[in-house]
Amino acid sequence: MTLRILQRDVDAIVAQSRAEYPDECCGVILGPIGSDLANRLKPMVNAAHSPTFYEFDSKDLLALYREADENDEELVVIYHSHTETEAYPSRTDIAYASEPNAHYVLVSTRKELASSYELRSYRIIDGEVTEEPVEILLDW
């Protein structure tokens, strides 16, 4: 499967990761249930406030699921940044991946990338990580 994501959302994720550095940033992109269409970006607060770990605040997560239900949406993308390492899921990322239908997007803005970034997407199901192609679109 290929993740199709808008350039504006990629730009927003990269900007968020730079703004929240040195902590990891996190968030989701919602879309209509069953469509695999990532069309509404929602930055979240990293409740861990950590450069090596992210977690959604439990109240924020509950509100997010309620909002998604009310709008007939689901989490299409769950994203976070790695500030000093490559864009590959850590053991903790894999252990906490609980949405089998979601695309797990990681963006790395580590120093050796200078003013660039690395963005990769994965499916994580029952602890198994599978990288998938990413198609960045200007519009739907």
Foldseek 3Di string as FASTA:
>chain_A
DEQEAAPVVVVVLVVQCVVLPPAKWKWFFKDAPPPLDRDRTDTADQPVSHNADGDGDPVVVVVVVVVCVVVNMDGAEIEMEHEADAFDDDQVSLVPDDDQNHKYKYKYPHPVCPPDIDIWTWGRDPSDTDTHHYHYHNDD
